[in-house]
Amino acid sequence: FFFFLVKRFREPKHERRPWRIWFLDTSKQAIGMLFIHFANVYLSDLTEEDPCSLYLINFLLDATLGMLLIYVGIRAVSSIVEWQQWETLRFGEYG
């Protein structure tokens, strides 16, 4: 979280997100990193493989296939939200 704080204070003051929104955004990233870490530890114990090589595989899969799945999912949900005209569910609009 230290680097997230540094990044936040380097942003121009008029562009900074409110603390609550900043905390929710950064906590999502922290939860994702913790999940990958514990999945890596569990898989390395289960398969008796080197944890570093499993971490590299997890990272590459997350950075390629994971991003593709997220992109497709967001596009699909955004299309449904636009079609149904659900104003409160638009991505990136926090009210």
C-alpha atoms as a PDB file:
ATOM      1  CA  PHE A   1       0.000   0.000   0.000  1.00  0.00           C
ATOM      2  CA  PHE A   2       2.999   2.290   0.448  1.00  0.00           C
ATOM      3  CA  PHE A   3       3.544   2.528  -3.310  1.00  0.00           C
ATOM      4  CA  PHE A   4      -0.163   3.118  -3.889  1.00  0.00           C
ATOM      5  CA  LEU A   5       0.046   6.017  -1.408  1.00  0.00           C
ATOM      6  CA  VAL A   6       3.093   7.441  -3.172  1.00  0.00           C
ATOM      7  CA  LYS A   7       1.288   7.163  -6.507  1.00  0.00           C
ATOM      8  CA  ARG A   8      -1.801   8.842  -5.071  1.00  0.00           C
ATOM      9  CA  PHE A   9       0.133  11.829  -3.743  1.00  0.00           C
ATOM     10  CA  ARG A  10       2.017  12.239  -7.025  1.00  0.00           C
ATOM     11  CA  GLU A  11      -1.254  12.721  -8.900  1.00  0.00           C
ATOM     12  CA  PRO A  12      -2.457  16.292  -9.412  1.00  0.00           C
ATOM     13  CA  LYS A  13      -4.658  17.333  -6.495  1.00  0.00           C
ATOM     14  CA  HIS A  14      -7.686  18.090  -8.664  1.00  0.00           C
ATOM     15  CA  GLU A  15      -7.568  14.599 -10.277  1.00  0.00           C
ATOM     16  CA  ARG A  16      -7.258  12.517  -7.087  1.00  0.00           C
ATOM     17  CA  ARG A  17     -10.049  10.135  -6.244  1.00  0.00           C
ATOM     18  CA  PRO A  18     -11.705  10.460  -2.831  1.00  0.00           C
ATOM     19  CA  TRP A  19     -10.112   8.339  -0.087  1.00  0.00           C
ATOM     20  CA  ARG A  20     -12.982   5.852   0.019  1.00  0.00           C
ATOM     21  CA  ILE A  21     -12.855   5.160  -3.725  1.00  0.00           C
ATOM     22  CA  TRP A  22      -9.053   5.015  -3.654  1.00  0.00           C
ATOM     23  CA  PHE A  23      -9.158   2.476  -0.799  1.00  0.00           C
ATOM     24  CA  LEU A  24     -11.735   0.296  -2.579  1.00  0.00           C
ATOM     25  CA  ASP A  25      -9.707   0.324  -5.813  1.00  0.00           C
ATOM     26  CA  THR A  26      -6.406  -0.517  -4.125  1.00  0.00           C
ATOM     27  CA  SER A  27      -7.921  -3.167  -1.875  1.00  0.00           C
ATOM     28  CA  LYS A  28      -9.166  -5.009  -4.970  1.00  0.00           C
ATOM     29  CA  GLN A  29      -5.593  -5.156  -6.219  1.00  0.00           C
ATOM     30  CA  ALA A  30      -4.286  -6.312  -2.836  1.00  0.00           C
ATOM     31  CA  ILE A  31      -6.898  -9.068  -2.594  1.00  0.00           C
ATOM     32  CA  GLY A  32      -5.990 -10.250  -6.085  1.00  0.00           C
ATOM     33  CA  MET A  33      -2.279 -10.346  -5.212  1.00  0.00           C
ATOM     34  CA  LEU A  34      -2.982 -12.282  -2.003  1.00  0.00           C
ATOM     35  CA  PHE A  35      -5.134 -14.780  -3.894  1.00  0.00           C
ATOM     36  CA  ILE A  36      -2.382 -15.408  -6.449  1.00  0.00           C
ATOM     37  CA  HIS A  37       0.197 -15.767  -3.668  1.00  0.00           C
ATOM     38  CA  PHE A  38      -1.809 -18.339  -1.705  1.00  0.00           C
ATOM     39  CA  ALA A  39      -2.785 -20.215  -4.874  1.00  0.00           C
ATOM     40  CA  ASN A  40       0.907 -20.370  -5.768  1.00  0.00           C
ATOM     41  CA  VAL A  41       1.881 -21.687  -2.313  1.00  0.00           C
ATOM     42  CA  TYR A  42      -0.917 -24.283  -2.412  1.00  0.00           C
ATOM     43  CA  LEU A  43      -0.047 -25.458  -5.927  1.00  0.00           C
ATOM     44  CA  SER A  44       3.671 -25.688  -5.156  1.00  0.00           C
ATOM     45  CA  ASP A  45       2.927 -27.897  -2.135  1.00  0.00           C
ATOM     46  CA  LEU A  46       0.445 -29.967  -4.124  1.00  0.00           C
ATOM     47  CA  THR A  47       2.682 -30.546  -7.147  1.00  0.00           C
ATOM     48  CA  GLU A  48       6.086 -30.341  -5.412  1.00  0.00           C
ATOM     49  CA  GLU A  49       7.202 -27.894  -8.095  1.00  0.00           C
ATOM     50  CA  ASP A  50       9.420 -24.862  -7.664  1.00  0.00           C
ATOM     51  CA  PRO A  51       7.259 -21.993  -6.316  1.00  0.00           C
ATOM     52  CA  CYS A  52       9.098 -19.439  -8.469  1.00  0.00           C
ATOM     53  CA  SER A  53       8.320 -21.227 -11.745  1.00  0.00           C
ATOM     54  CA  LEU A  54       4.690 -21.653 -10.698  1.00  0.00           C
ATOM     55  CA  TYR A  55       4.507 -17.963  -9.838  1.00  0.00           C
ATOM     56  CA  LEU A  56       5.804 -17.091 -13.320  1.00  0.00           C
ATOM     57  CA  ILE A  57       3.195 -19.361 -14.917  1.00  0.00           C
ATOM     58  CA  ASN A  58       0.426 -17.857 -12.732  1.00  0.00           C
ATOM     59  CA  PHE A  59       1.555 -14.339 -13.590  1.00  0.00           C
ATOM     60  CA  LEU A  60       1.727 -15.010 -17.326  1.00  0.00           C
ATOM     61  CA  LEU A  61      -1.703 -16.660 -17.353  1.00  0.00           C
ATOM     62  CA  ASP A  62      -3.168 -13.806 -15.329  1.00  0.00           C
ATOM     63  CA  ALA A  63      -1.554 -11.150 -17.532  1.00  0.00           C
ATOM     64  CA  THR A  64      -2.720 -12.759 -20.799  1.00  0.00           C
ATOM     65  CA  LEU A  65      -5.771 -14.996 -20.500  1.00  0.00           C
ATOM     66  CA  GLY A  66      -7.001 -13.275 -17.345  1.00  0.00           C
ATOM     67  CA  MET A  67      -6.915  -9.848 -18.963  1.00  0.00           C
ATOM     68  CA  LEU A  68      -8.657 -11.207 -22.057  1.00  0.00           C
ATOM     69  CA  LEU A  69     -11.428 -12.739 -19.941  1.00  0.00           C
ATOM     70  CA  ILE A  70     -11.834  -9.523 -17.960  1.00  0.00           C
ATOM     71  CA  TYR A  71     -11.996  -7.466 -21.162  1.00  0.00           C
ATOM     72  CA  VAL A  72     -14.651  -9.724 -22.683  1.00  0.00           C
ATOM     73  CA  GLY A  73     -16.613  -9.791 -19.417  1.00  0.00           C
ATOM     74  CA  ILE A  74     -16.582  -6.018 -19.020  1.00  0.00           C
ATOM     75  CA  ARG A  75     -17.643  -5.504 -22.632  1.00  0.00           C
ATOM     76  CA  ALA A  76     -20.503  -7.995 -22.212  1.00  0.00           C
ATOM     77  CA  VAL A  77     -21.715  -6.488 -18.934  1.00  0.00           C
ATOM     78  CA  SER A  78     -21.380  -2.950 -20.324  1.00  0.00           C
ATOM     79  CA  SER A  79     -23.505  -3.920 -23.325  1.00  0.00           C
ATOM     80  CA  ILE A  80     -26.195  -5.382 -21.066  1.00  0.00           C
ATOM     81  CA  VAL A  81     -26.120  -2.292 -18.817  1.00  0.00           C
ATOM     82  CA  GLU A  82     -26.498   0.006 -21.842  1.00  0.00           C
ATOM     83  CA  TRP A  83     -29.255  -2.169 -23.326  1.00  0.00           C
ATOM     84  CA  GLN A  84     -31.213  -2.276 -20.060  1.00  0.00           C
ATOM     85  CA  GLN A  85     -30.388   1.393 -19.315  1.00  0.00           C
ATOM     86  CA  TRP A  86     -29.226   0.656 -15.777  1.00  0.00           C
ATOM     87  CA  GLU A  87     -27.630   4.017 -14.972  1.00  0.00           C
ATOM     88  CA  THR A  88     -26.270   2.986 -11.560  1.00  0.00           C
ATOM     89  CA  LEU A  89     -24.279   0.041 -12.933  1.00  0.00           C
ATOM     90  CA  ARG A  90     -22.063   1.878 -15.428  1.00  0.00           C
ATOM     91  CA  PHE A  91     -18.366   1.036 -15.072  1.00  0.00           C
ATOM     92  CA  GLY A  92     -16.148   3.817 -13.735  1.00  0.00           C
ATOM     93  CA  GLU A  93     -18.974   6.043 -12.566  1.00  0.00           C
ATOM     94  CA  TYR A  94     -18.993   6.180  -8.789  1.00  0.00           C
ATOM     95  CA  GLY A  95     -21.838   8.609  -8.257  1.00  0.00           C
END
